[in-house]
């Protein structure tokens, strides 16, 4: 999936390691850093709010989990 992306070569190398492009605040030069550990976030902790119906939040989390599956 990544190999066919339009911007893959800007953010990934040939081994599909992710590179973040940042500007150095002192020298104003562009720096590419390899990001090693990208941790997945739990959708449930992101969408849970105070005063929300827990059953509705659980159903919504389940729906989002099913939507974001890459290989159904």
N, C-alpha and C. Protein backbone atom coordinates (compact mmCIF):
# COMPACT_ATOMS: atom_id res chain seq x y z
N UNK A 1 0.82 -1.18 0.00
CA UNK A 1 0.00 0.00 0.00
C UNK A 1 0.87 1.26 0.00
N UNK A 2 1.95 1.26 0.77
CA UNK A 2 2.82 2.44 0.82
C UNK A 2 3.60 2.63 -0.46
N UNK A 3 3.95 1.56 -1.10
CA UNK A 3 4.79 1.67 -2.30
C UNK A 3 4.08 2.41 -3.44
N UNK A 4 2.76 2.42 -3.45
CA UNK A 4 2.01 3.06 -4.52
C UNK A 4 1.63 4.50 -4.19
N UNK A 5 1.97 4.98 -3.00
CA UNK A 5 1.56 6.31 -2.56
C UNK A 5 2.26 7.42 -3.33
N UNK A 6 1.58 8.56 -3.44
CA UNK A 6 2.13 9.69 -4.18
C UNK A 6 3.29 10.35 -3.44
N UNK A 7 3.29 10.32 -2.11
CA UNK A 7 4.31 11.01 -1.33
C UNK A 7 5.20 10.04 -0.56
N UNK A 8 5.20 8.79 -0.95
CA UNK A 8 5.96 7.78 -0.23
C UNK A 8 7.45 8.09 -0.23
N UNK A 9 7.99 8.50 -1.35
CA UNK A 9 9.43 8.76 -1.43
C UNK A 9 9.86 9.95 -0.59
N UNK A 10 8.93 10.83 -0.24
CA UNK A 10 9.27 11.98 0.61
C UNK A 10 9.37 11.60 2.08
N UNK A 11 8.66 10.57 2.51
CA UNK A 11 8.57 10.25 3.93
C UNK A 11 9.11 8.87 4.30
N UNK A 12 9.42 8.02 3.32
CA UNK A 12 9.90 6.67 3.60
C UNK A 12 11.10 6.37 2.73
N UNK A 13 12.03 5.53 3.25
CA UNK A 13 13.13 5.08 2.42
C UNK A 13 12.77 3.74 1.77
N UNK A 14 13.72 3.09 1.09
CA UNK A 14 13.42 1.86 0.37
C UNK A 14 13.07 0.71 1.30
N UNK A 15 13.46 0.79 2.58
CA UNK A 15 13.11 -0.25 3.56
C UNK A 15 11.82 0.08 4.30
N UNK A 16 11.12 1.14 3.88
CA UNK A 16 9.87 1.63 4.46
C UNK A 16 10.04 2.10 5.90
N UNK A 17 11.20 2.68 6.21
CA UNK A 17 11.42 3.34 7.49
C UNK A 17 10.92 4.77 7.36
N UNK A 18 10.19 5.25 8.37
CA UNK A 18 9.58 6.57 8.30
C UNK A 18 10.60 7.65 8.64
N UNK A 19 10.62 8.73 7.85
CA UNK A 19 11.49 9.87 8.09
C UNK A 19 10.64 11.12 8.28
N UNK A 20 10.89 11.83 9.37
CA UNK A 20 10.21 13.09 9.64
C UNK A 20 11.11 14.22 9.14
N UNK A 21 10.54 15.16 8.42
CA UNK A 21 11.28 16.31 7.91
C UNK A 21 10.96 17.51 8.77
N UNK A 22 12.01 18.10 9.36
CA UNK A 22 11.84 19.25 10.24
C UNK A 22 12.85 20.33 9.86
N UNK A 23 12.56 21.54 10.27
CA UNK A 23 13.48 22.64 10.05
C UNK A 23 14.19 22.95 11.36
N UNK A 24 15.53 23.01 11.30
CA UNK A 24 16.31 23.34 12.49
C UNK A 24 16.07 24.81 12.82
N UNK A 25 15.63 25.12 14.06
CA UNK A 25 15.31 26.51 14.39
C UNK A 25 16.52 27.43 14.40
N UNK A 26 17.71 26.90 14.60
CA UNK A 26 18.91 27.74 14.66
C UNK A 26 19.49 27.97 13.28
N UNK A 27 19.73 26.89 12.54
CA UNK A 27 20.39 27.01 11.24
C UNK A 27 19.42 27.18 10.08
N UNK A 28 18.12 26.94 10.32
CA UNK A 28 17.07 27.03 9.30
C UNK A 28 17.28 26.04 8.15
N UNK A 29 18.03 24.97 8.41
CA UNK A 29 18.22 23.92 7.41
C UNK A 29 17.20 22.81 7.64
N UNK A 30 16.86 22.12 6.57
CA UNK A 30 15.92 21.01 6.65
C UNK A 30 16.66 19.77 7.14
N UNK A 31 16.08 19.12 8.15
CA UNK A 31 16.67 17.93 8.74
C UNK A 31 15.69 16.77 8.59
N UNK A 32 16.20 15.60 8.15
CA UNK A 32 15.37 14.40 8.07
C UNK A 32 15.80 13.48 9.20
N UNK A 33 14.84 13.12 10.08
CA UNK A 33 15.10 12.21 11.19
C UNK A 33 14.30 10.93 10.98
N UNK A 34 14.95 9.79 11.23
CA UNK A 34 14.24 8.52 11.14
C UNK A 34 13.51 8.29 12.47
N UNK A 35 12.21 8.02 12.39
CA UNK A 35 11.39 7.74 13.55
C UNK A 35 11.34 6.23 13.72
N UNK A 36 11.83 5.74 14.87
CA UNK A 36 11.93 4.31 15.06
C UNK A 36 10.69 3.68 15.67
N UNK A 37 10.15 4.27 16.71
CA UNK A 37 9.05 3.65 17.44
C UNK A 37 7.79 4.50 17.32
N UNK A 38 6.96 4.18 16.36
CA UNK A 38 5.66 4.85 16.24
C UNK A 38 4.65 3.92 16.88
N UNK A 39 4.07 4.37 17.99
CA UNK A 39 3.13 3.54 18.73
C UNK A 39 1.70 3.87 18.30
N UNK A 40 0.92 2.84 18.13
CA UNK A 40 -0.49 3.03 17.77
C UNK A 40 -1.26 3.53 18.98
N UNK A 41 -2.19 4.43 18.74
CA UNK A 41 -3.01 4.97 19.82
C UNK A 41 -4.32 4.20 19.90
N UNK A 42 -4.83 4.06 21.10
CA UNK A 42 -6.10 3.39 21.31
C UNK A 42 -7.24 4.36 21.00
N UNK A 43 -8.12 3.98 20.11
CA UNK A 43 -9.23 4.85 19.72
C UNK A 43 -10.15 5.13 20.90
N UNK A 44 -10.32 4.15 21.77
CA UNK A 44 -11.22 4.31 22.92
C UNK A 44 -10.80 5.43 23.84
N UNK A 45 -9.51 5.58 24.08
CA UNK A 45 -9.05 6.66 24.96
C UNK A 45 -9.17 8.02 24.30
N UNK A 46 -9.12 8.06 22.99
CA UNK A 46 -9.23 9.34 22.28
C UNK A 46 -10.67 9.84 22.27
N UNK A 47 -11.63 8.95 22.06
CA UNK A 47 -13.02 9.39 21.90
C UNK A 47 -13.80 9.44 23.20
N UNK A 48 -13.26 8.87 24.28
CA UNK A 48 -13.98 8.86 25.55
C UNK A 48 -13.98 10.25 26.17
N UNK A 49 -15.15 10.73 26.52
CA UNK A 49 -15.29 12.02 27.17
C UNK A 49 -16.18 11.91 28.38
N UNK A 50 -16.16 12.93 29.20
CA UNK A 50 -17.00 12.90 30.40
C UNK A 50 -18.45 13.13 30.01
N UNK A 51 -19.34 12.39 30.65
CA UNK A 51 -20.76 12.54 30.39
C UNK A 51 -21.27 11.81 29.17
N UNK A 52 -20.42 11.04 28.52
CA UNK A 52 -20.84 10.30 27.33
C UNK A 52 -21.45 8.96 27.75
N UNK A 53 -22.37 8.46 26.94
CA UNK A 53 -22.99 7.17 27.18
C UNK A 53 -21.96 6.07 26.88
N UNK A 54 -21.58 5.26 27.89
CA UNK A 54 -20.54 4.25 27.67
C UNK A 54 -20.89 3.23 26.58
N UNK A 55 -22.16 2.86 26.47
CA UNK A 55 -22.56 1.90 25.45
C UNK A 55 -22.42 2.51 24.06
N UNK A 56 -22.80 3.77 23.92
CA UNK A 56 -22.68 4.45 22.63
C UNK A 56 -21.21 4.62 22.24
N UNK A 57 -20.37 4.95 23.21
CA UNK A 57 -18.94 5.10 22.94
C UNK A 57 -18.33 3.76 22.53
N UNK A 58 -18.74 2.68 23.20
CA UNK A 58 -18.23 1.35 22.86
C UNK A 58 -18.65 0.95 21.45
N UNK A 59 -19.89 1.24 21.08
CA UNK A 59 -20.36 0.94 19.72
C UNK A 59 -19.62 1.77 18.68
N UNK A 60 -19.38 3.04 18.99
CA UNK A 60 -18.66 3.92 18.07
C UNK A 60 -17.21 3.46 17.92
N UNK A 61 -16.57 3.05 19.02
CA UNK A 61 -15.20 2.53 18.97
C UNK A 61 -15.15 1.28 18.11
N UNK A 62 -16.12 0.39 18.27
CA UNK A 62 -16.18 -0.83 17.47
C UNK A 62 -16.33 -0.50 15.98
N UNK A 63 -17.18 0.47 15.67
CA UNK A 63 -17.36 0.89 14.28
C UNK A 63 -16.05 1.44 13.70
N UNK A 64 -15.37 2.31 14.45
CA UNK A 64 -14.11 2.88 13.97
C UNK A 64 -13.04 1.81 13.80
N UNK A 65 -12.98 0.85 14.72
CA UNK A 65 -12.02 -0.25 14.58
C UNK A 65 -12.27 -1.03 13.29
N UNK A 66 -13.53 -1.26 12.96
CA UNK A 66 -13.86 -2.00 11.74
C UNK A 66 -13.57 -1.18 10.49
N UNK A 67 -13.77 0.13 10.56
CA UNK A 67 -13.51 1.00 9.40
C UNK A 67 -12.02 1.04 9.08
N UNK A 68 -11.18 1.11 10.12
CA UNK A 68 -9.75 1.32 9.91
C UNK A 68 -8.95 0.04 9.73
N UNK A 69 -9.60 -1.10 9.58
CA UNK A 69 -8.89 -2.35 9.29
C UNK A 69 -8.36 -2.26 7.86
N UNK A 70 -7.05 -2.49 7.69
CA UNK A 70 -6.46 -2.37 6.36
C UNK A 70 -6.76 -3.56 5.46
N UNK A 71 -6.86 -4.74 6.04
CA UNK A 71 -7.12 -5.94 5.24
C UNK A 71 -8.35 -6.65 5.79
N UNK A 72 -9.55 -6.25 5.34
CA UNK A 72 -10.77 -6.85 5.90
C UNK A 72 -10.88 -8.24 5.47
